[in-house]
């Protein structure tokens, strides 16, 4: 009888401790979710990581990785998403691969981004995920000036995706990205007169210095030859040719810089008006079993 009572006591203590641990773990997750919903990602991460000290959950690891992603700690997020994509079931694998692609882009690895997201596009079965992938590829091509490929991706989209991502409106404004505000050819022609290309691109200080330096060097070379200082004349003529060539190259480059600045402004405007921000547009039906 005594042994039976002792056994019941041990069972009761074990059950109570287990229930307490379960309640404590659940409380950690709930607090983490509360901060996550408020976008207090640093605080949410603390509770998720505390939960993961004693438990293993693909969902919580995924949310912890998201906290790092949204706070732009991309190297840390990269490690966590990579681990999830290797060890968790498909829904977390696909979601992690999706975010890994964006991390590669943030880390200035466009080749890895395109390879990763293209592979995901082939293997993903979730239609909403496929739409999100297509949208990411469209913005990738726009970001790197490949407007023809972006339009090609838009035409692949179904009507639901076009409506949700405002792709029809976006397509109408994409040609603005290819507009040239300054002609590199004209800028090079104007640079025949030193500083002319810079003047065409409204870079007045550069135009003044290019004209002054080239004029001074050319005058000095002529004066050296007039005074039979042939060696000095040859040296000054070489310097003049170098600065003159640099003036032409600089004028052409100035036009390209102006075009790039304009294009970047147009891209930022399109992104602010049309691009969907925030988390993925497909759903992950999270569920934790305690």
C-alpha atoms as a PDB file:
ATOM      1  CA  UNK A   1       0.000   0.000   0.000  1.00  0.00           C
ATOM      2  CA  UNK A   2       2.873   2.324   0.901  1.00  0.00           C
ATOM      3  CA  UNK A   3       4.538   1.580  -2.438  1.00  0.00           C
ATOM      4  CA  UNK A   4       1.321   2.350  -4.280  1.00  0.00           C
ATOM      5  CA  UNK A   5       1.030   5.706  -2.474  1.00  0.00           C
ATOM      6  CA  UNK A   6       4.659   6.494  -3.276  1.00  0.00           C
ATOM      7  CA  UNK A   7       4.075   5.607  -6.924  1.00  0.00           C
ATOM      8  CA  UNK A   8       0.978   7.850  -7.079  1.00  0.00           C
ATOM      9  CA  UNK A   9       2.925  10.702  -5.436  1.00  0.00           C
ATOM     10  CA  UNK A  10       5.762  10.388  -7.977  1.00  0.00           C
ATOM     11  CA  UNK A  11       3.273  10.271 -10.833  1.00  0.00           C
ATOM     12  CA  UNK A  12       1.493  13.369  -9.517  1.00  0.00           C
ATOM     13  CA  UNK A  13       4.784  15.313  -9.137  1.00  0.00           C
ATOM     14  CA  UNK A  14       5.979  14.299 -12.615  1.00  0.00           C
ATOM     15  CA  UNK A  15       2.652  15.219 -14.200  1.00  0.00           C
ATOM     16  CA  UNK A  16       2.555  18.570 -12.367  1.00  0.00           C
ATOM     17  CA  UNK A  17       6.102  19.476 -13.425  1.00  0.00           C
ATOM     18  CA  UNK A  18       5.380  18.438 -16.995  1.00  0.00           C
ATOM     19  CA  UNK A  19       2.179  20.484 -17.064  1.00  0.00           C
ATOM     20  CA  UNK A  20       4.040  23.439 -15.573  1.00  0.00           C
ATOM     21  CA  UNK A  21       6.778  23.165 -18.185  1.00  0.00           C
ATOM     22  CA  UNK A  22       4.185  22.948 -20.945  1.00  0.00           C
ATOM     23  CA  UNK A  23       2.319  26.002 -19.644  1.00  0.00           C
ATOM     24  CA  UNK A  24       5.587  27.911 -19.323  1.00  0.00           C
ATOM     25  CA  UNK A  25       6.606  27.041 -22.900  1.00  0.00           C
ATOM     26  CA  UNK A  26       3.200  28.045 -24.201  1.00  0.00           C
ATOM     27  CA  UNK A  27       3.463  31.356 -22.348  1.00  0.00           C
ATOM     28  CA  UNK A  28       6.845  32.037 -23.992  1.00  0.00           C
ATOM     29  CA  UNK A  29       5.367  31.480 -27.444  1.00  0.00           C
ATOM     30  CA  UNK A  30       2.268  33.576 -26.734  1.00  0.00           C
ATOM     31  CA  UNK A  31       4.373  36.470 -25.464  1.00  0.00           C
ATOM     32  CA  UNK A  32       6.633  36.154 -28.488  1.00  0.00           C
ATOM     33  CA  UNK A  33       3.621  36.201 -30.807  1.00  0.00           C
ATOM     34  CA  UNK A  34       2.244  39.243 -29.020  1.00  0.00           C
ATOM     35  CA  UNK A  35       5.428  41.221 -29.632  1.00  0.00           C
ATOM     36  CA  UNK A  36       5.715  39.851 -33.181  1.00  0.00           C
ATOM     37  CA  UNK A  37       2.230  41.132 -34.043  1.00  0.00           C
ATOM     38  CA  UNK A  38       3.248  44.548 -32.728  1.00  0.00           C
ATOM     39  CA  UNK A  39       6.398  44.368 -34.892  1.00  0.00           C
ATOM     40  CA  UNK A  40       8.588  44.468 -31.785  1.00  0.00           C
ATOM     41  CA  UNK A  41      10.845  41.893 -33.372  1.00  0.00           C
ATOM     42  CA  UNK A  42      13.781  42.156 -30.983  1.00  0.00           C
ATOM     43  CA  UNK A  43      11.510  41.414 -28.004  1.00  0.00           C
ATOM     44  CA  UNK A  44       9.674  38.634 -29.835  1.00  0.00           C
ATOM     45  CA  UNK A  45      12.996  37.007 -30.700  1.00  0.00           C
ATOM     46  CA  UNK A  46      13.968  36.794 -27.005  1.00  0.00           C
ATOM     47  CA  UNK A  47      10.877  34.726 -26.150  1.00  0.00           C
ATOM     48  CA  UNK A  48      11.149  32.524 -29.241  1.00  0.00           C
ATOM     49  CA  UNK A  49      14.804  31.771 -28.522  1.00  0.00           C
ATOM     50  CA  UNK A  50      13.993  31.025 -24.882  1.00  0.00           C
ATOM     51  CA  UNK A  51      11.395  28.511 -26.050  1.00  0.00           C
ATOM     52  CA  UNK A  52      13.915  26.901 -28.421  1.00  0.00           C
ATOM     53  CA  UNK A  53      16.387  26.301 -25.588  1.00  0.00           C
ATOM     54  CA  UNK A  54      14.268  23.382 -24.352  1.00  0.00           C
ATOM     55  CA  UNK A  55      12.082  22.614 -27.375  1.00  0.00           C
ATOM     56  CA  UNK A  56      12.339  22.074 -31.097  1.00  0.00           C
ATOM     57  CA  UNK A  57       9.749  23.612 -33.395  1.00  0.00           C
ATOM     58  CA  UNK A  58      10.111  24.478 -37.066  1.00  0.00           C
ATOM     59  CA  UNK A  59       7.490  27.184 -36.666  1.00  0.00           C
ATOM     60  CA  UNK A  60       9.257  28.933 -33.800  1.00  0.00           C
ATOM     61  CA  UNK A  61      12.617  28.658 -35.531  1.00  0.00           C
ATOM     62  CA  UNK A  62      10.986  30.166 -38.612  1.00  0.00           C
ATOM     63  CA  UNK A  63       9.515  33.039 -36.595  1.00  0.00           C
ATOM     64  CA  UNK A  64      12.850  33.618 -34.896  1.00  0.00           C
ATOM     65  CA  UNK A  65      14.479  33.799 -38.331  1.00  0.00           C
ATOM     66  CA  UNK A  66      11.802  36.265 -39.439  1.00  0.00           C
ATOM     67  CA  UNK A  67      12.627  38.494 -36.462  1.00  0.00           C
ATOM     68  CA  UNK A  68      16.208  38.694 -37.665  1.00  0.00           C
ATOM     69  CA  UNK A  69      15.113  39.249 -41.261  1.00  0.00           C
ATOM     70  CA  UNK A  70      12.809  42.127 -40.395  1.00  0.00           C
ATOM     71  CA  UNK A  71      15.511  43.763 -38.252  1.00  0.00           C
ATOM     72  CA  UNK A  72      17.926  43.468 -41.219  1.00  0.00           C
ATOM     73  CA  UNK A  73      20.357  41.051 -39.574  1.00  0.00           C
ATOM     74  CA  UNK A  74      20.597  39.175 -42.811  1.00  0.00           C
ATOM     75  CA  UNK A  75      23.642  37.012 -42.022  1.00  0.00           C
ATOM     76  CA  UNK A  76      21.930  35.595 -38.909  1.00  0.00           C
ATOM     77  CA  UNK A  77      18.652  35.121 -40.781  1.00  0.00           C
ATOM     78  CA  UNK A  78      20.526  33.388 -43.612  1.00  0.00           C
ATOM     79  CA  UNK A  79      21.932  30.774 -41.238  1.00  0.00           C
ATOM     80  CA  UNK A  80      18.546  30.089 -39.618  1.00  0.00           C
ATOM     81  CA  UNK A  81      16.571  29.881 -42.869  1.00  0.00           C
ATOM     82  CA  UNK A  82      19.239  27.581 -44.344  1.00  0.00           C
ATOM     83  CA  UNK A  83      18.920  25.267 -41.340  1.00  0.00           C
ATOM     84  CA  UNK A  84      15.119  25.273 -41.589  1.00  0.00           C
ATOM     85  CA  UNK A  85      15.179  24.522 -45.318  1.00  0.00           C
ATOM     86  CA  UNK A  86      17.290  21.407 -44.618  1.00  0.00           C
ATOM     87  CA  UNK A  87      15.463  20.019 -41.587  1.00  0.00           C
ATOM     88  CA  UNK A  88      11.785  21.021 -41.787  1.00  0.00           C
ATOM     89  CA  UNK A  89       8.764  19.958 -43.789  1.00  0.00           C
ATOM     90  CA  UNK A  90       7.833  21.405 -47.171  1.00  0.00           C
ATOM     91  CA  UNK A  91       5.756  24.373 -46.052  1.00  0.00           C
ATOM     92  CA  UNK A  92       8.642  25.724 -43.990  1.00  0.00           C
ATOM     93  CA  UNK A  93      11.191  24.689 -46.597  1.00  0.00           C
ATOM     94  CA  UNK A  94       9.393  26.680 -49.299  1.00  0.00           C
ATOM     95  CA  UNK A  95       8.881  29.697 -47.067  1.00  0.00           C
ATOM     96  CA  UNK A  96      12.523  29.648 -45.952  1.00  0.00           C
ATOM     97  CA  UNK A  97      13.734  29.358 -49.545  1.00  0.00           C
ATOM     98  CA  UNK A  98      11.562  32.337 -50.445  1.00  0.00           C
ATOM     99  CA  UNK A  99      13.147  34.487 -47.741  1.00  0.00           C
ATOM    100  CA  UNK A 100      16.623  33.164 -48.518  1.00  0.00           C
ATOM    101  CA  UNK A 101      16.205  34.523 -52.032  1.00  0.00           C
ATOM    102  CA  UNK A 102      15.428  37.988 -50.720  1.00  0.00           C
ATOM    103  CA  UNK A 103      18.376  37.813 -48.319  1.00  0.00           C
ATOM    104  CA  UNK A 104      20.731  37.049 -51.215  1.00  0.00           C
ATOM    105  CA  UNK A 105      19.410  40.157 -52.924  1.00  0.00           C
ATOM    106  CA  UNK A 106      19.981  42.277 -49.810  1.00  0.00           C
ATOM    107  CA  UNK A 107      23.518  40.869 -49.573  1.00  0.00           C
ATOM    108  CA  UNK A 108      24.119  41.924 -53.190  1.00  0.00           C
ATOM    109  CA  UNK A 109      24.185  38.404 -54.599  1.00  0.00           C
ATOM    110  CA  UNK A 110      21.716  38.766 -57.514  1.00  0.00           C
ATOM    111  CA  UNK A 111      22.911  35.549 -59.184  1.00  0.00           C
ATOM    112  CA  UNK A 112      22.148  33.494 -56.068  1.00  0.00           C
ATOM    113  CA  UNK A 113      18.775  35.230 -55.735  1.00  0.00           C
ATOM    114  CA  UNK A 114      17.715  34.355 -59.264  1.00  0.00           C
ATOM    115  CA  UNK A 115      18.981  30.770 -59.091  1.00  0.00           C
ATOM    116  CA  UNK A 116      17.335  30.163 -55.712  1.00  0.00           C
ATOM    117  CA  UNK A 117      13.951  31.636 -56.535  1.00  0.00           C
ATOM    118  CA  UNK A 118      13.852  30.021 -59.991  1.00  0.00           C
ATOM    119  CA  UNK A 119      14.416  26.598 -58.411  1.00  0.00           C
ATOM    120  CA  UNK A 120      11.667  27.322 -55.898  1.00  0.00           C
ATOM    121  CA  UNK A 121       9.332  28.324 -58.715  1.00  0.00           C
ATOM    122  CA  UNK A 122       9.830  24.883 -60.295  1.00  0.00           C
ATOM    123  CA  UNK A 123       9.179  22.906 -57.111  1.00  0.00           C
ATOM    124  CA  UNK A 124       6.497  24.985 -55.349  1.00  0.00           C
ATOM    125  CA  UNK A 125       2.934  23.725 -55.518  1.00  0.00           C
ATOM    126  CA  UNK A 126       1.192  26.493 -53.551  1.00  0.00           C
ATOM    127  CA  UNK A 127      -0.455  28.817 -56.125  1.00  0.00           C
ATOM    128  CA  UNK A 128      -0.138  31.873 -53.870  1.00  0.00           C
ATOM    129  CA  UNK A 129       3.549  31.165 -53.383  1.00  0.00           C
ATOM    130  CA  UNK A 130       4.008  30.932 -57.130  1.00  0.00           C
ATOM    131  CA  UNK A 131       2.370  34.339 -57.538  1.00  0.00           C
ATOM    132  CA  UNK A 132       4.662  35.828 -54.916  1.00  0.00           C
ATOM    133  CA  UNK A 133       7.695  34.332 -56.656  1.00  0.00           C
ATOM    134  CA  UNK A 134       6.598  35.783 -59.975  1.00  0.00           C
ATOM    135  CA  UNK A 135       6.156  39.194 -58.388  1.00  0.00           C
ATOM    136  CA  UNK A 136       9.630  39.046 -56.824  1.00  0.00           C
ATOM    137  CA  UNK A 137      11.170  38.154 -60.186  1.00  0.00           C
ATOM    138  CA  UNK A 138       9.395  41.083 -61.848  1.00  0.00           C
ATOM    139  CA  UNK A 139      10.864  43.539 -59.335  1.00  0.00           C
ATOM    140  CA  UNK A 140      14.268  41.881 -59.590  1.00  0.00           C
ATOM    141  CA  UNK A 141      14.345  42.482 -63.343  1.00  0.00           C
ATOM    142  CA  UNK A 142      13.119  46.059 -62.936  1.00  0.00           C
ATOM    143  CA  UNK A 143      15.749  46.757 -60.296  1.00  0.00           C
ATOM    144  CA  UNK A 144      18.544  45.704 -62.658  1.00  0.00           C
ATOM    145  CA  UNK A 145      17.165  47.418 -65.749  1.00  0.00           C
ATOM    146  CA  UNK A 146      15.898  44.298 -67.536  1.00  0.00           C
ATOM    147  CA  UNK A 147      12.531  45.787 -68.412  1.00  0.00           C
ATOM    148  CA  UNK A 148      11.857  43.393 -71.305  1.00  0.00           C
ATOM    149  CA  UNK A 149      12.158  40.363 -69.015  1.00  0.00           C
ATOM    150  CA  UNK A 150       9.982  42.068 -66.400  1.00  0.00           C
ATOM    151  CA  UNK A 151       7.223  42.629 -68.953  1.00  0.00           C
ATOM    152  CA  UNK A 152       7.567  39.005 -70.085  1.00  0.00           C
ATOM    153  CA  UNK A 153       7.005  37.833 -66.486  1.00  0.00           C
ATOM    154  CA  UNK A 154       3.965  40.106 -66.156  1.00  0.00           C
ATOM    155  CA  UNK A 155       2.405  38.539 -69.227  1.00  0.00           C
ATOM    156  CA  UNK A 156       2.810  35.091 -67.614  1.00  0.00           C
ATOM    157  CA  UNK A 157       0.740  36.189 -64.605  1.00  0.00           C
ATOM    158  CA  UNK A 158      -2.911  35.247 -64.267  1.00  0.00           C
ATOM    159  CA  UNK A 159      -5.620  37.855 -63.769  1.00  0.00           C
ATOM    160  CA  UNK A 160      -5.779  37.327 -60.005  1.00  0.00           C
ATOM    161  CA  UNK A 161      -2.068  38.077 -59.608  1.00  0.00           C
ATOM    162  CA  UNK A 162      -2.275  41.042 -61.976  1.00  0.00           C
ATOM    163  CA  UNK A 163      -5.071  42.542 -59.931  1.00  0.00           C
ATOM    164  CA  UNK A 164      -3.496  41.832 -56.537  1.00  0.00           C
ATOM    165  CA  UNK A 165      -0.028  43.126 -57.483  1.00  0.00           C
ATOM    166  CA  UNK A 166      -1.357  45.921 -59.763  1.00  0.00           C
ATOM    167  CA  UNK A 167       0.703  44.545 -62.614  1.00  0.00           C
ATOM    168  CA  UNK A 168      -1.347  46.084 -65.427  1.00  0.00           C
ATOM    169  CA  UNK A 169      -0.801  49.576 -63.999  1.00  0.00           C
ATOM    170  CA  UNK A 170       2.855  48.796 -63.438  1.00  0.00           C
ATOM    171  CA  UNK A 171       3.338  47.559 -67.002  1.00  0.00           C
ATOM    172  CA  UNK A 172       2.038  50.839 -68.419  1.00  0.00           C
ATOM    173  CA  UNK A 173       4.702  52.797 -66.530  1.00  0.00           C
ATOM    174  CA  UNK A 174       7.681  50.471 -67.055  1.00  0.00           C
ATOM    175  CA  UNK A 175       8.790  52.322 -70.265  1.00  0.00           C
ATOM    176  CA  UNK A 176       9.643  55.304 -68.049  1.00  0.00           C
ATOM    177  CA  UNK A 177      12.595  53.274 -66.737  1.00  0.00           C
ATOM    178  CA  UNK A 178      14.128  53.136 -70.237  1.00  0.00           C
ATOM    179  CA  UNK A 179      13.838  56.862 -70.857  1.00  0.00           C
ATOM    180  CA  UNK A 180      17.137  58.716 -71.360  1.00  0.00           C
ATOM    181  CA  UNK A 181      17.207  62.225 -69.904  1.00  0.00           C
ATOM    182  CA  UNK A 182      20.698  62.844 -71.336  1.00  0.00           C
ATOM    183  CA  UNK A 183      22.233  61.411 -74.507  1.00  0.00           C
ATOM    184  CA  UNK A 184      25.737  59.959 -73.985  1.00  0.00           C
ATOM    185  CA  UNK A 185      26.423  60.424 -77.731  1.00  0.00           C
ATOM    186  CA  UNK A 186      25.520  64.114 -77.648  1.00  0.00           C
ATOM    187  CA  UNK A 187      27.494  64.581 -74.456  1.00  0.00           C
ATOM    188  CA  UNK A 188      30.559  63.054 -76.146  1.00  0.00           C
ATOM    189  CA  UNK A 189      30.126  65.333 -79.182  1.00  0.00           C
ATOM    190  CA  UNK A 190      29.760  68.425 -77.005  1.00  0.00           C
ATOM    191  CA  UNK A 191      32.949  67.391 -75.173  1.00  0.00           C
ATOM    192  CA  UNK A 192      34.958  68.159 -78.321  1.00  0.00           C
ATOM    193  CA  UNK A 193      34.978  71.593 -76.744  1.00  0.00           C
ATOM    194  CA  UNK A 194      36.516  70.864 -73.312  1.00  0.00           C
ATOM    195  CA  UNK A 195      33.822  70.911 -70.637  1.00  0.00           C
ATOM    196  CA  UNK A 196      30.967  70.923 -73.163  1.00  0.00           C
ATOM    197  CA  UNK A 197      29.701  67.501 -72.106  1.00  0.00           C
ATOM    198  CA  UNK A 198      29.679  68.471 -68.451  1.00  0.00           C
ATOM    199  CA  UNK A 199      27.864  71.694 -69.327  1.00  0.00           C
ATOM    200  CA  UNK A 200      25.222  69.671 -71.206  1.00  0.00           C
ATOM    201  CA  UNK A 201      24.718  67.576 -68.053  1.00  0.00           C
ATOM    202  CA  UNK A 202      24.415  70.699 -65.858  1.00  0.00           C
ATOM    203  CA  UNK A 203      27.677  69.946 -64.039  1.00  0.00           C
ATOM    204  CA  UNK A 204      28.953  73.496 -64.180  1.00  0.00           C
ATOM    205  CA  UNK A 205      31.939  73.190 -61.845  1.00  0.00           C
ATOM    206  CA  UNK A 206      33.259  70.158 -63.725  1.00  0.00           C
ATOM    207  CA  UNK A 207      32.747  72.028 -67.004  1.00  0.00           C
ATOM    208  CA  UNK A 208      34.720  75.033 -65.709  1.00  0.00           C
ATOM    209  CA  UNK A 209      37.640  72.930 -64.460  1.00  0.00           C
ATOM    210  CA  UNK A 210      37.747  70.767 -67.625  1.00  0.00           C
ATOM    211  CA  UNK A 211      37.826  73.856 -69.860  1.00  0.00           C
ATOM    212  CA  UNK A 212      40.402  75.669 -67.701  1.00  0.00           C
ATOM    213  CA  UNK A 213      42.840  72.764 -67.303  1.00  0.00           C
ATOM    214  CA  UNK A 214      42.685  71.690 -70.942  1.00  0.00           C
ATOM    215  CA  UNK A 215      43.109  75.272 -72.146  1.00  0.00           C
ATOM    216  CA  UNK A 216      46.024  75.897 -69.802  1.00  0.00           C
ATOM    217  CA  UNK A 217      47.821  72.685 -70.793  1.00  0.00           C
ATOM    218  CA  UNK A 218      47.276  73.289 -74.526  1.00  0.00           C
ATOM    219  CA  UNK A 219      48.553  76.879 -74.259  1.00  0.00           C
ATOM    220  CA  UNK A 220      51.605  75.742 -72.273  1.00  0.00           C
ATOM    221  CA  UNK A 221      52.445  73.039 -74.847  1.00  0.00           C
ATOM    222  CA  UNK A 222      52.196  75.547 -77.722  1.00  0.00           C
ATOM    223  CA  UNK A 223      54.367  78.031 -75.876  1.00  0.00           C
ATOM    224  CA  UNK A 224      56.995  75.358 -75.171  1.00  0.00           C
ATOM    225  CA  UNK A 225      57.213  74.422 -78.878  1.00  0.00           C
ATOM    226  CA  UNK A 226      57.367  78.123 -79.855  1.00  0.00           C
ATOM    227  CA  UNK A 227      60.373  78.515 -77.572  1.00  0.00           C
ATOM    228  CA  UNK A 228      62.058  75.372 -78.981  1.00  0.00           C
ATOM    229  CA  UNK A 229      61.549  73.507 -75.696  1.00  0.00           C
ATOM    230  CA  UNK A 230      60.617  70.390 -77.614  1.00  0.00           C
ATOM    231  CA  UNK A 231      60.982  67.902 -74.750  1.00  0.00           C
ATOM    232  CA  UNK A 232      58.793  70.014 -72.448  1.00  0.00           C
ATOM    233  CA  UNK A 233      56.388  70.559 -75.346  1.00  0.00           C
ATOM    234  CA  UNK A 234      56.052  66.812 -75.975  1.00  0.00           C
ATOM    235  CA  UNK A 235      55.447  66.195 -72.261  1.00  0.00           C
ATOM    236  CA  UNK A 236      52.829  68.939 -72.026  1.00  0.00           C
ATOM    237  CA  UNK A 237      51.183  67.776 -75.272  1.00  0.00           C
ATOM    238  CA  UNK A 238      50.934  64.244 -73.843  1.00  0.00           C
ATOM    239  CA  UNK A 239      49.330  65.612 -70.678  1.00  0.00           C
ATOM    240  CA  UNK A 240      46.956  67.702 -72.768  1.00  0.00           C
ATOM    241  CA  UNK A 241      45.897  64.667 -74.815  1.00  0.00           C
ATOM    242  CA  UNK A 242      45.329  62.655 -71.620  1.00  0.00           C
ATOM    243  CA  UNK A 243      43.191  65.346 -69.996  1.00  0.00           C
ATOM    244  CA  UNK A 244      41.335  65.995 -73.244  1.00  0.00           C
ATOM    245  CA  UNK A 245      40.506  62.286 -73.643  1.00  0.00           C
ATOM    246  CA  UNK A 246      39.442  62.198 -69.987  1.00  0.00           C
ATOM    247  CA  UNK A 247      37.202  65.188 -70.646  1.00  0.00           C
ATOM    248  CA  UNK A 248      35.400  63.316 -73.446  1.00  0.00           C
ATOM    249  CA  UNK A 249      35.093  60.132 -71.387  1.00  0.00           C
ATOM    250  CA  UNK A 250      33.914  62.159 -68.375  1.00  0.00           C
ATOM    251  CA  UNK A 251      31.251  63.896 -70.461  1.00  0.00           C
ATOM    252  CA  UNK A 252      29.868  60.562 -71.677  1.00  0.00           C
ATOM    253  CA  UNK A 253      29.988  59.126 -68.162  1.00  0.00           C
ATOM    254  CA  UNK A 254      28.224  62.199 -66.767  1.00  0.00           C
ATOM    255  CA  UNK A 255      25.300  61.557 -69.138  1.00  0.00           C
ATOM    256  CA  UNK A 256      25.119  57.925 -68.010  1.00  0.00           C
ATOM    257  CA  UNK A 257      25.187  59.006 -64.361  1.00  0.00           C
ATOM    258  CA  UNK A 258      22.305  61.425 -64.955  1.00  0.00           C
ATOM    259  CA  UNK A 259      20.323  58.646 -66.640  1.00  0.00           C
ATOM    260  CA  UNK A 260      21.006  56.276 -63.745  1.00  0.00           C
ATOM    261  CA  UNK A 261      19.914  58.874 -61.178  1.00  0.00           C
ATOM    262  CA  UNK A 262      16.703  59.467 -63.098  1.00  0.00           C
ATOM    263  CA  UNK A 263      16.085  55.735 -63.444  1.00  0.00           C
ATOM    264  CA  UNK A 264      16.649  55.157 -59.727  1.00  0.00           C
ATOM    265  CA  UNK A 265      14.103  57.853 -58.876  1.00  0.00           C
ATOM    266  CA  UNK A 266      11.543  56.331 -61.252  1.00  0.00           C
ATOM    267  CA  UNK A 267      12.163  52.857 -59.801  1.00  0.00           C
ATOM    268  CA  UNK A 268      11.704  54.121 -56.229  1.00  0.00           C
ATOM    269  CA  UNK A 269       8.490  55.872 -57.241  1.00  0.00           C
ATOM    270  CA  UNK A 270       7.113  52.726 -58.895  1.00  0.00           C
ATOM    271  CA  UNK A 271       8.126  50.616 -55.921  1.00  0.00           C
ATOM    272  CA  UNK A 272       6.429  52.949 -53.446  1.00  0.00           C
ATOM    273  CA  UNK A 273       3.187  52.903 -55.443  1.00  0.00           C
ATOM    274  CA  UNK A 274       2.947  49.347 -56.694  1.00  0.00           C
ATOM    275  CA  UNK A 275       5.120  46.951 -54.746  1.00  0.00           C
ATOM    276  CA  UNK A 276       3.551  44.896 -51.990  1.00  0.00           C
ATOM    277  CA  UNK A 277       5.446  45.370 -48.727  1.00  0.00           C
ATOM    278  CA  UNK A 278       5.695  43.236 -45.628  1.00  0.00           C
ATOM    279  CA  UNK A 279       5.611  39.463 -45.327  1.00  0.00           C
ATOM    280  CA  UNK A 280       4.826  36.880 -47.973  1.00  0.00           C
ATOM    281  CA  UNK A 281       1.453  36.928 -49.623  1.00  0.00           C
ATOM    282  CA  UNK A 282       0.848  33.215 -49.231  1.00  0.00           C
ATOM    283  CA  UNK A 283      -0.372  31.663 -46.017  1.00  0.00           C
ATOM    284  CA  UNK A 284       1.443  29.382 -43.603  1.00  0.00           C
ATOM    285  CA  UNK A 285      -1.035  27.540 -41.428  1.00  0.00           C
ATOM    286  CA  UNK A 286       1.055  27.416 -38.292  1.00  0.00           C
ATOM    287  CA  UNK A 287       0.193  24.977 -35.553  1.00  0.00           C
ATOM    288  CA  UNK A 288       2.175  23.957 -32.496  1.00  0.00           C
ATOM    289  CA  UNK A 289       1.502  20.758 -30.609  1.00  0.00           C
ATOM    290  CA  UNK A 290       2.277  20.874 -26.890  1.00  0.00           C
END
